[in-house]
Amino acid sequence: MDDTTRTELEAAAFRRLRQHLMEERTDVQNIDMMNLAGFCRNCLSRWYQEAANERGIEMQKDEAREIFYGMTMAEWKANYQTEAAPGKQEAFQTAFDQNVGKKG
């Protein structure tokens, strides 16, 4: 497989993952994703931002999140985010420290 085809397939898989998370599984909370998988929607938007910045495209965190979420974080939280139980919050902090650290 040539590099162009590989890149196109990877991009298609990413777009499908984004669609799945943003349109089909809005019920899945970021905190649960982070606790179980070590990443969440915010991580994906940060990786998008980092890729843009590496290519000389200036992009801020909020801008990347809005591109990824298809709305502002305030809108996402109002529409889909639920309150997390204290145990989940503690587990999140551990997962965040292990997987994101001071980057986030």
Protein backbone atom coordinates (compact mmCIF):
# COMPACT_ATOMS: atom_id res chain seq x y z
CA MET A 1 0.00 0.00 0.00
CA ASP A 2 1.39 3.41 -0.90
CA ASP A 3 1.70 6.23 1.65
CA THR A 4 -1.07 8.34 0.11
CA THR A 5 -3.58 5.49 0.28
CA ARG A 6 -2.54 4.66 3.85
CA THR A 7 -2.98 8.30 4.88
CA GLU A 8 -6.39 8.46 3.21
CA LEU A 9 -7.53 5.29 4.98
CA GLU A 10 -6.26 6.55 8.34
CA ALA A 11 -8.07 9.84 7.79
CA ALA A 12 -11.28 8.00 6.89
CA ALA A 13 -11.01 5.87 10.04
CA PHE A 14 -10.47 9.01 12.14
CA ARG A 15 -13.50 10.72 10.58
CA ARG A 16 -15.60 7.62 11.30
CA LEU A 17 -14.39 7.54 14.93
CA ARG A 18 -15.28 11.21 15.29
CA GLN A 19 -18.73 10.65 13.79
CA HIS A 20 -19.31 7.68 16.09
CA LEU A 21 -18.37 9.64 19.21
CA MET A 22 -20.04 12.91 18.26
CA GLU A 23 -23.25 11.69 16.61
CA GLU A 24 -23.95 8.10 17.57
CA ARG A 25 -22.60 7.80 21.13
CA THR A 26 -23.11 11.16 22.75
CA ASP A 27 -24.20 9.20 25.81
CA VAL A 28 -20.65 8.02 26.43
CA GLN A 29 -19.05 10.46 28.82
CA ASN A 30 -15.48 11.74 28.37
CA ILE A 31 -14.71 10.80 31.97
CA ASP A 32 -15.68 7.18 31.28
CA MET A 33 -13.58 7.09 28.11
CA MET A 34 -10.56 8.47 29.96
CA ASN A 35 -11.01 6.08 32.87
CA LEU A 36 -11.34 3.03 30.61
CA ALA A 37 -9.19 3.85 27.59
CA GLY A 38 -6.80 6.58 28.70
CA PHE A 39 -8.11 9.11 26.16
CA CYS A 40 -11.30 11.03 25.44
CA ARG A 41 -12.78 13.45 22.94
CA ASN A 42 -10.69 16.28 24.37
CA CYS A 43 -7.53 14.22 23.77
CA LEU A 44 -8.57 13.66 20.16
CA SER A 45 -9.16 17.38 19.67
CA ARG A 46 -5.79 18.14 21.31
CA TRP A 47 -4.03 15.68 18.99
CA TYR A 48 -5.77 17.42 16.08
CA GLN A 49 -4.52 20.79 17.36
CA GLU A 50 -0.98 19.45 17.84
CA ALA A 51 -0.94 18.06 14.29
CA ALA A 52 -2.07 21.44 12.94
CA ASN A 53 0.52 23.31 14.99
CA GLU A 54 3.28 20.93 13.82
CA ARG A 55 2.37 21.88 10.24
CA GLY A 56 2.52 25.60 10.96
CA ILE A 57 -1.25 26.05 11.28
CA GLU A 58 -1.94 28.14 14.34
CA MET A 59 -4.81 26.65 16.30
CA GLN A 60 -5.84 27.16 19.91
CA LYS A 61 -7.34 24.50 22.19
CA ASP A 62 -10.86 25.94 22.08
CA GLU A 63 -10.75 26.21 18.29
CA ALA A 64 -9.64 22.58 17.92
CA ARG A 65 -12.36 21.43 20.32
CA GLU A 66 -15.01 23.31 18.38
CA ILE A 67 -13.79 21.76 15.12
CA PHE A 68 -13.79 18.28 16.64
CA TYR A 69 -17.04 18.60 18.63
CA GLY A 70 -18.89 20.54 15.93
CA MET A 71 -19.96 23.00 18.63
CA THR A 72 -18.47 24.91 21.51
CA MET A 73 -17.53 23.05 24.68
CA ALA A 74 -20.23 24.99 26.52
CA GLU A 75 -22.83 23.69 24.07
CA TRP A 76 -21.51 20.11 24.31
CA LYS A 77 -21.56 20.20 28.11
CA ALA A 78 -25.07 21.65 28.20
CA ASN A 79 -26.40 19.06 25.74
CA TYR A 80 -24.54 15.87 26.68
CA GLN A 81 -22.35 16.02 29.77
CA THR A 82 -23.68 14.57 33.00
CA GLU A 83 -22.43 14.98 36.56
CA ALA A 84 -19.71 12.50 37.47
CA ALA A 85 -19.74 10.61 40.73
CA PRO A 86 -16.82 11.34 43.11
CA GLY A 87 -15.27 7.90 42.50
CA LYS A 88 -15.21 8.55 38.78
CA GLN A 89 -13.60 11.93 39.34
CA GLU A 90 -10.80 10.37 41.38
CA ALA A 91 -10.24 7.65 38.76
CA PHE A 92 -10.23 10.34 36.07
CA GLN A 93 -7.50 12.30 37.82
CA THR A 94 -5.35 9.16 37.98
CA ALA A 95 -6.01 8.32 34.31
CA PHE A 96 -5.40 11.93 33.27
CA ASP A 97 -2.09 12.10 35.17
CA GLN A 98 -0.94 8.82 33.64
CA ASN A 99 -2.01 9.54 30.07
CA VAL A 100 -2.02 13.29 29.62
CA GLY A 101 0.05 14.72 32.45
CA LYS A 102 0.68 18.43 32.34
CA LYS A 103 -0.11 18.69 28.58
CA GLY A 104 -3.87 19.01 29.02
